[in-house]
């Protein structure tokens, strides 16, 4: 029961938090639309030698085209807006 609750809590936190492409773990990366297991692993490998300053830097990774980069930008923006909205409501 405790594991189920913890998993649910963790899942909700992924939906409400913005994703930092430089620090996100595999599961956080996979919460972005268009990023699956393989793409998340590619990002993690790329980060070992490069820094990601924006979603546009993903174009340097093989297989990341305009559509996926656009999805990443949109998903990160939506998550950031939700987080800000929740902070305002709690005040």
PDB file of N, CA and C in Angstrom:
ATOM      1  N   UNK A   1       0.820  -1.192   0.000  1.00  0.00           N
ATOM      2  CA  UNK A   1       0.000   0.000   0.000  1.00  0.00           C
ATOM      3  C   UNK A   1       0.868   1.261   0.000  1.00  0.00           C
ATOM      4  N   UNK A   2       1.909   1.247   0.796  1.00  0.00           N
ATOM      5  CA  UNK A   2       2.792   2.407   0.884  1.00  0.00           C
ATOM      6  C   UNK A   2       3.515   2.627  -0.443  1.00  0.00           C
ATOM      7  N   UNK A   3       3.944   1.535  -1.092  1.00  0.00           N
ATOM      8  CA  UNK A   3       4.621   1.653  -2.388  1.00  0.00           C
ATOM      9  C   UNK A   3       3.690   2.227  -3.436  1.00  0.00           C
ATOM     10  N   UNK A   4       2.426   1.806  -3.407  1.00  0.00           N
ATOM     11  CA  UNK A   4       1.436   2.316  -4.352  1.00  0.00           C
ATOM     12  C   UNK A   4       1.230   3.815  -4.144  1.00  0.00           C
ATOM     13  N   UNK A   5       1.105   4.225  -2.907  1.00  0.00           N
ATOM     14  CA  UNK A   5       0.920   5.633  -2.585  1.00  0.00           C
ATOM     15  C   UNK A   5       2.144   6.456  -3.010  1.00  0.00           C
ATOM     16  N   UNK A   6       3.322   5.937  -2.749  1.00  0.00           N
ATOM     17  CA  UNK A   6       4.549   6.645  -3.125  1.00  0.00           C
ATOM     18  C   UNK A   6       4.658   6.773  -4.643  1.00  0.00           C
ATOM     19  N   UNK A   7       4.303   5.712  -5.356  1.00  0.00           N
ATOM     20  CA  UNK A   7       4.336   5.748  -6.822  1.00  0.00           C
ATOM     21  C   UNK A   7       3.351   6.770  -7.359  1.00  0.00           C
ATOM     22  N   UNK A   8       2.163   6.809  -6.787  1.00  0.00           N
ATOM     23  CA  UNK A   8       1.152   7.772  -7.201  1.00  0.00           C
ATOM     24  C   UNK A   8       1.621   9.198  -6.932  1.00  0.00           C
ATOM     25  N   UNK A   9       2.186   9.413  -5.792  1.00  0.00           N
ATOM     26  CA  UNK A   9       2.703  10.739  -5.433  1.00  0.00           C
ATOM     27  C   UNK A   9       3.811  11.171  -6.378  1.00  0.00           C
ATOM     28  N   UNK A  10       4.703  10.259  -6.704  1.00  0.00           N
ATOM     29  CA  UNK A  10       5.796  10.547  -7.619  1.00  0.00           C
ATOM     30  C   UNK A  10       5.268  10.857  -9.012  1.00  0.00           C
ATOM     31  N   UNK A  11       4.276  10.119  -9.461  1.00  0.00           N
ATOM     32  CA  UNK A  11       3.685  10.357 -10.778  1.00  0.00           C
ATOM     33  C   UNK A  11       3.060  11.742 -10.854  1.00  0.00           C
ATOM     34  N   UNK A  12       2.343  12.125  -9.839  1.00  0.00           N
ATOM     35  CA  UNK A  12       1.710  13.446  -9.815  1.00  0.00           C
ATOM     36  C   UNK A  12       2.769  14.539  -9.806  1.00  0.00           C
ATOM     37  N   UNK A  13       3.850  14.339  -9.085  1.00  0.00           N
ATOM     38  CA  UNK A  13       4.897  15.365  -9.036  1.00  0.00           C
ATOM     39  C   UNK A  13       5.524  15.565 -10.405  1.00  0.00           C
ATOM     40  N   UNK A  14       5.639  14.493 -11.208  1.00  0.00           N
ATOM     41  CA  UNK A  14       6.168  14.630 -12.569  1.00  0.00           C
ATOM     42  C   UNK A  14       5.243  15.482 -13.420  1.00  0.00           C
ATOM     43  N   UNK A  15       3.943  15.359 -13.210  1.00  0.00           N
ATOM     44  CA  UNK A  15       2.990  16.117 -14.017  1.00  0.00           C
ATOM     45  C   UNK A  15       2.988  17.593 -13.664  1.00  0.00           C
ATOM     46  N   UNK A  16       3.323  17.910 -12.443  1.00  0.00           N
ATOM     47  CA  UNK A  16       3.232  19.294 -11.985  1.00  0.00           C
ATOM     48  C   UNK A  16       4.564  20.035 -11.997  1.00  0.00           C
ATOM     49  N   UNK A  17       5.634  19.340 -12.145  1.00  0.00           N
ATOM     50  CA  UNK A  17       6.954  19.964 -12.099  1.00  0.00           C
ATOM     51  C   UNK A  17       7.479  20.229 -13.504  1.00  0.00           C
ATOM     52  N   UNK A  18       8.247  21.292 -13.633  1.00  0.00           N
ATOM     53  CA  UNK A  18       8.895  21.516 -14.915  1.00  0.00           C
ATOM     54  C   UNK A  18      10.108  20.596 -15.000  1.00  0.00           C
ATOM     55  N   UNK A  19      10.497  20.300 -16.223  1.00  0.00           N
ATOM     56  CA  UNK A  19      11.594  19.362 -16.436  1.00  0.00           C
ATOM     57  C   UNK A  19      12.837  20.131 -16.832  1.00  0.00           C
ATOM     58  N   UNK A  20      13.903  19.927 -16.104  1.00  0.00           N
ATOM     59  CA  UNK A  20      15.183  20.513 -16.445  1.00  0.00           C
ATOM     60  C   UNK A  20      15.932  19.466 -17.264  1.00  0.00           C
ATOM     61  N   UNK A  21      16.176  19.766 -18.537  1.00  0.00           N
ATOM     62  CA  UNK A  21      16.804  18.798 -19.423  1.00  0.00           C
ATOM     63  C   UNK A  21      18.209  18.396 -18.975  1.00  0.00           C
ATOM     64  N   UNK A  22      18.860  19.223 -18.180  1.00  0.00           N
ATOM     65  CA  UNK A  22      20.214  18.907 -17.720  1.00  0.00           C
ATOM     66  C   UNK A  22      20.251  18.038 -16.473  1.00  0.00           C
ATOM     67  N   UNK A  23      19.175  18.009 -15.706  1.00  0.00           N
ATOM     68  CA  UNK A  23      19.209  17.273 -14.444  1.00  0.00           C
ATOM     69  C   UNK A  23      18.145  16.180 -14.339  1.00  0.00           C
ATOM     70  N   UNK A  24      17.208  16.148 -15.268  1.00  0.00           N
ATOM     71  CA  UNK A  24      16.104  15.195 -15.192  1.00  0.00           C
ATOM     72  C   UNK A  24      16.604  13.760 -15.312  1.00  0.00           C
ATOM     73  N   UNK A  25      15.989  12.876 -14.552  1.00  0.00           N
ATOM     74  CA  UNK A  25      16.325  11.458 -14.683  1.00  0.00           C
ATOM     75  C   UNK A  25      15.516  10.862 -15.837  1.00  0.00           C
ATOM     76  N   UNK A  26      15.720   9.601 -16.097  1.00  0.00           N
ATOM     77  CA  UNK A  26      15.088   8.944 -17.242  1.00  0.00           C
ATOM     78  C   UNK A  26      13.565   9.023 -17.169  1.00  0.00           C
ATOM     79  N   UNK A  27      13.003   8.763 -16.007  1.00  0.00           N
ATOM     80  CA  UNK A  27      11.541   8.801 -15.858  1.00  0.00           C
ATOM     81  C   UNK A  27      10.985  10.198 -16.079  1.00  0.00           C
ATOM     82  N   UNK A  28      11.678  11.204 -15.592  1.00  0.00           N
ATOM     83  CA  UNK A  28      11.232  12.583 -15.798  1.00  0.00           C
ATOM     84  C   UNK A  28      11.272  12.933 -17.278  1.00  0.00           C
ATOM     85  N   UNK A  29      12.327  12.528 -17.958  1.00  0.00           N
ATOM     86  CA  UNK A  29      12.423  12.788 -19.393  1.00  0.00           C
ATOM     87  C   UNK A  29      11.306  12.080 -20.146  1.00  0.00           C
ATOM     88  N   UNK A  30      10.988  10.867 -19.734  1.00  0.00           N
ATOM     89  CA  UNK A  30       9.946  10.091 -20.399  1.00  0.00           C
ATOM     90  C   UNK A  30       8.545  10.656 -20.143  1.00  0.00           C
ATOM     91  N   UNK A  31       8.404  11.549 -19.186  1.00  0.00           N
ATOM     92  CA  UNK A  31       7.108  12.172 -18.935  1.00  0.00           C
ATOM     93  C   UNK A  31       6.797  13.249 -19.974  1.00  0.00           C
ATOM     94  N   UNK A  32       7.769  13.605 -20.780  1.00  0.00           N
ATOM     95  CA  UNK A  32       7.585  14.597 -21.841  1.00  0.00           C
ATOM     96  C   UNK A  32       7.012  13.899 -23.070  1.00  0.00           C
ATOM     97  N   UNK A  33       6.003  14.493 -23.663  1.00  0.00           N
ATOM     98  CA  UNK A  33       5.367  13.919 -24.851  1.00  0.00           C
ATOM     99  C   UNK A  33       6.405  13.732 -25.955  1.00  0.00           C
ATOM    100  N   UNK A  34       6.454  12.527 -26.506  1.00  0.00           N
ATOM    101  CA  UNK A  34       7.379  12.241 -27.598  1.00  0.00           C
ATOM    102  C   UNK A  34       8.715  11.666 -27.150  1.00  0.00           C
ATOM    103  N   UNK A  35       8.962  11.642 -25.853  1.00  0.00           N
ATOM    104  CA  UNK A  35      10.211  11.091 -25.341  1.00  0.00           C
ATOM    105  C   UNK A  35       9.906   9.747 -24.692  1.00  0.00           C
ATOM    106  N   UNK A  36      10.415   8.705 -25.299  1.00  0.00           N
ATOM    107  CA  UNK A  36      10.251   7.360 -24.755  1.00  0.00           C
ATOM    108  C   UNK A  36      11.558   6.879 -24.160  1.00  0.00           C
ATOM    109  N   UNK A  37      11.637   5.599 -23.940  1.00  0.00           N
ATOM    110  CA  UNK A  37      12.805   4.989 -23.331  1.00  0.00           C
ATOM    111  C   UNK A  37      14.086   5.285 -24.122  1.00  0.00           C
ATOM    112  N   UNK A  38      14.047   5.051 -25.424  1.00  0.00           N
ATOM    113  CA  UNK A  38      15.240   5.225 -26.255  1.00  0.00           C
ATOM    114  C   UNK A  38      15.683   6.693 -26.327  1.00  0.00           C
ATOM    115  N   UNK A  39      14.745   7.591 -26.518  1.00  0.00           N
ATOM    116  CA  UNK A  39      15.087   9.019 -26.603  1.00  0.00           C
ATOM    117  C   UNK A  39      15.635   9.525 -25.267  1.00  0.00           C
ATOM    118  N   UNK A  40      15.036   9.065 -24.176  1.00  0.00           N
ATOM    119  CA  UNK A  40      15.522   9.475 -22.848  1.00  0.00           C
ATOM    120  C   UNK A  40      16.964   9.011 -22.656  1.00  0.00           C
ATOM    121  N   UNK A  41      17.259   7.788 -23.073  1.00  0.00           N
ATOM    122  CA  UNK A  41      18.630   7.282 -22.961  1.00  0.00           C
ATOM    123  C   UNK A  41      19.589   8.094 -23.830  1.00  0.00           C
ATOM    124  N   UNK A  42      19.138   8.492 -25.024  1.00  0.00           N
ATOM    125  CA  UNK A  42      19.983   9.307 -25.892  1.00  0.00           C
ATOM    126  C   UNK A  42      20.302  10.652 -25.229  1.00  0.00           C
ATOM    127  N   UNK A  43      19.310  11.243 -24.584  1.00  0.00           N
ATOM    128  CA  UNK A  43      19.530  12.525 -23.894  1.00  0.00           C
ATOM    129  C   UNK A  43      20.533  12.329 -22.758  1.00  0.00           C
ATOM    130  N   UNK A  44      20.374  11.272 -21.988  1.00  0.00           N
ATOM    131  CA  UNK A  44      21.285  11.011 -20.874  1.00  0.00           C
ATOM    132  C   UNK A  44      22.716  10.805 -21.359  1.00  0.00           C
ATOM    133  N   UNK A  45      22.884  10.092 -22.462  1.00  0.00           N
ATOM    134  CA  UNK A  45      24.224   9.875 -23.032  1.00  0.00           C
ATOM    135  C   UNK A  45      24.815  11.194 -23.529  1.00  0.00           C
ATOM    136  N   UNK A  46      24.008  11.993 -24.198  1.00  0.00           N
ATOM    137  CA  UNK A  46      24.467  13.275 -24.733  1.00  0.00           C
ATOM    138  C   UNK A  46      24.915  14.199 -23.594  1.00  0.00           C
ATOM    139  N   UNK A  47      24.162  14.181 -22.491  1.00  0.00           N
ATOM    140  CA  UNK A  47      24.483  15.054 -21.355  1.00  0.00           C
ATOM    141  C   UNK A  47      25.816  14.729 -20.704  1.00  0.00           C
ATOM    142  N   UNK A  48      26.328  13.533 -20.908  1.00  0.00           N
ATOM    143  CA  UNK A  48      27.618  13.179 -20.300  1.00  0.00           C
ATOM    144  C   UNK A  48      28.750  14.051 -20.829  1.00  0.00           C
ATOM    145  N   UNK A  49      28.608  14.555 -22.056  1.00  0.00           N
ATOM    146  CA  UNK A  49      29.676  15.363 -22.656  1.00  0.00           C
ATOM    147  C   UNK A  49      29.221  16.754 -23.085  1.00  0.00           C
ATOM    148  N   UNK A  50      27.917  17.020 -23.007  1.00  0.00           N
ATOM    149  CA  UNK A  50      27.394  18.312 -23.457  1.00  0.00           C
ATOM    150  C   UNK A  50      26.391  18.858 -22.442  1.00  0.00           C
ATOM    151  N   UNK A  51      26.189  20.152 -22.504  1.00  0.00           N
ATOM    152  CA  UNK A  51      25.178  20.802 -21.691  1.00  0.00           C
ATOM    153  C   UNK A  51      23.997  21.158 -22.589  1.00  0.00           C
ATOM    154  N   UNK A  52      22.797  21.027 -22.078  1.00  0.00           N
ATOM    155  CA  UNK A  52      21.599  21.396 -22.831  1.00  0.00           C
ATOM    156  C   UNK A  52      21.090  22.729 -22.289  1.00  0.00           C
ATOM    157  N   UNK A  53      21.281  23.790 -23.072  1.00  0.00           N
ATOM    158  CA  UNK A  53      20.839  25.108 -22.637  1.00  0.00           C
ATOM    159  C   UNK A  53      19.389  25.380 -22.987  1.00  0.00           C
ATOM    160  N   UNK A  54      18.880  24.678 -23.987  1.00  0.00           N
ATOM    161  CA  UNK A  54      17.476  24.811 -24.381  1.00  0.00           C
ATOM    162  C   UNK A  54      17.057  23.553 -25.117  1.00  0.00           C
ATOM    163  N   UNK A  55      15.772  23.453 -25.384  1.00  0.00           N
ATOM    164  CA  UNK A  55      15.262  22.303 -26.140  1.00  0.00           C
ATOM    165  C   UNK A  55      15.874  22.254 -27.532  1.00  0.00           C
ATOM    166  N   UNK A  56      16.248  23.376 -28.080  1.00  0.00           N
ATOM    167  CA  UNK A  56      16.845  23.430 -29.421  1.00  0.00           C
ATOM    168  C   UNK A  56      18.169  22.666 -29.477  1.00  0.00           C
ATOM    169  N   UNK A  57      18.844  22.519 -28.361  1.00  0.00           N
ATOM    170  CA  UNK A  57      20.103  21.769 -28.336  1.00  0.00           C
ATOM    171  C   UNK A  57      19.890  20.291 -28.634  1.00  0.00           C
ATOM    172  N   UNK A  58      18.654  19.816 -28.508  1.00  0.00           N
ATOM    173  CA  UNK A  58      18.357  18.415 -28.794  1.00  0.00           C
ATOM    174  C   UNK A  58      18.552  18.082 -30.270  1.00  0.00           C
ATOM    175  N   UNK A  59      18.548  19.095 -31.120  1.00  0.00           N
ATOM    176  CA  UNK A  59      18.739  18.855 -32.559  1.00  0.00           C
ATOM    177  C   UNK A  59      20.113  18.252 -32.845  1.00  0.00           C
ATOM    178  N   UNK A  60      21.029  18.373 -31.915  1.00  0.00           N
ATOM    179  CA  UNK A  60      22.364  17.797 -32.068  1.00  0.00           C
ATOM    180  C   UNK A  60      22.395  16.291 -31.820  1.00  0.00           C
ATOM    181  N   UNK A  61      21.282  15.734 -31.359  1.00  0.00           N
ATOM    182  CA  UNK A  61      21.185  14.298 -31.092  1.00  0.00           C
ATOM    183  C   UNK A  61      20.468  13.646 -32.267  1.00  0.00           C
ATOM    184  N   UNK A  62      21.044  12.591 -32.792  1.00  0.00           N
ATOM    185  CA  UNK A  62      20.458  11.890 -33.935  1.00  0.00           C
ATOM    186  C   UNK A  62      19.040  11.414 -33.594  1.00  0.00           C
ATOM    187  N   UNK A  63      18.104  11.702 -34.475  1.00  0.00           N
ATOM    188  CA  UNK A  63      16.722  11.262 -34.292  1.00  0.00           C
ATOM    189  C   UNK A  63      15.812  12.305 -33.675  1.00  0.00           C
ATOM    190  N   UNK A  64      16.363  13.440 -33.275  1.00  0.00           N
ATOM    191  CA  UNK A  64      15.547  14.504 -32.704  1.00  0.00           C
ATOM    192  C   UNK A  64      15.289  15.551 -33.773  1.00  0.00           C
ATOM    193  N   UNK A  65      14.054  15.576 -34.254  1.00  0.00           N
ATOM    194  CA  UNK A  65      13.677  16.526 -35.284  1.00  0.00           C
ATOM    195  C   UNK A  65      12.849  17.660 -34.723  1.00  0.00           C
ATOM    196  N   UNK A  66      12.352  18.479 -35.628  1.00  0.00           N
ATOM    197  CA  UNK A  66      11.579  19.665 -35.239  1.00  0.00           C
ATOM    198  C   UNK A  66      10.341  19.317 -34.415  1.00  0.00           C
ATOM    199  N   UNK A  67       9.663  18.239 -34.787  1.00  0.00           N
ATOM    200  CA  UNK A  67       8.430  17.871 -34.091  1.00  0.00           C
ATOM    201  C   UNK A  67       8.695  17.500 -32.623  1.00  0.00           C
ATOM    202  N   UNK A  68       9.693  16.682 -32.396  1.00  0.00           N
ATOM    203  CA  UNK A  68       9.991  16.286 -31.014  1.00  0.00           C
ATOM    204  C   UNK A  68      10.477  17.488 -30.212  1.00  0.00           C
ATOM    205  N   UNK A  69      11.319  18.311 -30.815  1.00  0.00           N
ATOM    206  CA  UNK A  69      11.812  19.501 -30.115  1.00  0.00           C
ATOM    207  C   UNK A  69      10.650  20.430 -29.773  1.00  0.00           C
ATOM    208  N   UNK A  70       9.711  20.580 -30.694  1.00  0.00           N
ATOM    209  CA  UNK A  70       8.524  21.390 -30.442  1.00  0.00           C
ATOM    210  C   UNK A  70       7.699  20.815 -29.298  1.00  0.00           C
ATOM    211  N   UNK A  71       7.544  19.491 -29.287  1.00  0.00           N
ATOM    212  CA  UNK A  71       6.811  18.839 -28.192  1.00  0.00           C
ATOM    213  C   UNK A  71       7.501  19.084 -26.852  1.00  0.00           C
ATOM    214  N   UNK A  72       8.825  18.990 -26.847  1.00  0.00           N
ATOM    215  CA  UNK A  72       9.579  19.215 -25.610  1.00  0.00           C
ATOM    216  C   UNK A  72       9.365  20.654 -25.134  1.00  0.00           C
ATOM    217  N   UNK A  73       9.491  21.609 -26.046  1.00  0.00           N
ATOM    218  CA  UNK A  73       9.284  23.020 -25.672  1.00  0.00           C
ATOM    219  C   UNK A  73       7.886  23.230 -25.102  1.00  0.00           C
ATOM    220  N   UNK A  74       6.882  22.715 -25.797  1.00  0.00           N
ATOM    221  CA  UNK A  74       5.496  22.899 -25.359  1.00  0.00           C
ATOM    222  C   UNK A  74       5.232  22.208 -24.035  1.00  0.00           C
ATOM    223  N   UNK A  75       5.718  21.005 -23.866  1.00  0.00           N
ATOM    224  CA  UNK A  75       5.485  20.257 -22.638  1.00  0.00           C
ATOM    225  C   UNK A  75       6.145  20.940 -21.445  1.00  0.00           C
ATOM    226  N   UNK A  76       7.355  21.397 -21.621  1.00  0.00           N
ATOM    227  CA  UNK A  76       8.061  22.067 -20.526  1.00  0.00           C
ATOM    228  C   UNK A  76       7.348  23.362 -20.164  1.00  0.00           C
ATOM    229  N   UNK A  77       6.884  24.118 -21.154  1.00  0.00           N
ATOM    230  CA  UNK A  77       6.161  25.367 -20.885  1.00  0.00           C
ATOM    231  C   UNK A  77       4.867  25.094 -20.131  1.00  0.00           C
ATOM    232  N   UNK A  78       4.098  24.091 -20.568  1.00  0.00           N
ATOM    233  CA  UNK A  78       2.833  23.773 -19.908  1.00  0.00           C
ATOM    234  C   UNK A  78       3.062  23.380 -18.472  1.00  0.00           C
ATOM    235  N   UNK A  79       4.072  22.580 -18.223  1.00  0.00           N
ATOM    236  CA  UNK A  79       4.345  22.132 -16.863  1.00  0.00           C
ATOM    237  C   UNK A  79       4.787  23.296 -15.985  1.00  0.00           C
ATOM    238  N   UNK A  80       5.566  24.216 -16.546  1.00  0.00           N
ATOM    239  CA  UNK A  80       6.004  25.377 -15.786  1.00  0.00           C
ATOM    240  C   UNK A  80       4.814  26.262 -15.445  1.00  0.00           C
ATOM    241  N   UNK A  81       3.898  26.458 -16.397  1.00  0.00           N
ATOM    242  CA  UNK A  81       2.711  27.280 -16.148  1.00  0.00           C
ATOM    243  C   UNK A  81       1.839  26.667 -15.068  1.00  0.00           C
ATOM    244  N   UNK A  82       1.639  25.341 -15.101  1.00  0.00           N
ATOM    245  CA  UNK A  82       0.836  24.676 -14.081  1.00  0.00           C
ATOM    246  C   UNK A  82       1.443  24.882 -12.712  1.00  0.00           C
ATOM    247  N   UNK A  83       2.749  24.783 -12.620  1.00  0.00           N
ATOM    248  CA  UNK A  83       3.445  24.937 -11.338  1.00  0.00           C
ATOM    249  C   UNK A  83       3.243  26.349 -10.809  1.00  0.00           C
ATOM    250  N   UNK A  84       3.377  27.365 -11.666  1.00  0.00           N
ATOM    251  CA  UNK A  84       3.199  28.757 -11.240  1.00  0.00           C
ATOM    252  C   UNK A  84       1.763  28.999 -10.810  1.00  0.00           C
ATOM    253  N   UNK A  85       0.800  28.434 -11.548  1.00  0.00           N
ATOM    254  CA  UNK A  85      -0.610  28.613 -11.228  1.00  0.00           C
ATOM    255  C   UNK A  85      -0.911  28.029  -9.861  1.00  0.00           C
ATOM    256  N   UNK A  86      -0.365  26.871  -9.552  1.00  0.00           N
ATOM    257  CA  UNK A  86      -0.603  26.240  -8.261  1.00  0.00           C
ATOM    258  C   UNK A  86      -0.025  27.067  -7.129  1.00  0.00           C
ATOM    259  N   UNK A  87       1.129  27.673  -7.356  1.00  0.00           N
ATOM    260  CA  UNK A  87       1.744  28.506  -6.307  1.00  0.00           C
ATOM    261  C   UNK A  87       0.849  29.695  -6.014  1.00  0.00           C
ATOM    262  N   UNK A  88       0.281  30.343  -7.057  1.00  0.00           N
ATOM    263  CA  UNK A  88      -0.598  31.493  -6.865  1.00  0.00           C
ATOM    264  C   UNK A  88      -1.850  31.116  -6.091  1.00  0.00           C
ATOM    265  N   UNK A  89      -2.436  29.960  -6.407  1.00  0.00           N
ATOM    266  CA  UNK A  89      -3.651  29.508  -5.743  1.00  0.00           C
ATOM    267  C   UNK A  89      -3.408  29.184  -4.282  1.00  0.00           C
ATOM    268  N   UNK A  90      -2.244  28.746  -3.925  1.00  0.00           N
ATOM    269  CA  UNK A  90      -1.960  28.358  -2.545  1.00  0.00           C
ATOM    270  C   UNK A  90      -1.694  29.550  -1.636  1.00  0.00           C
ATOM    271  N   UNK A  91      -1.448  30.706  -2.217  1.00  0.00           N
ATOM    272  CA  UNK A  91      -1.150  31.900  -1.401  1.00  0.00           C
ATOM    273  C   UNK A  91      -2.375  32.509  -0.814  1.00  0.00           C
TER     274      UNK A  91
END
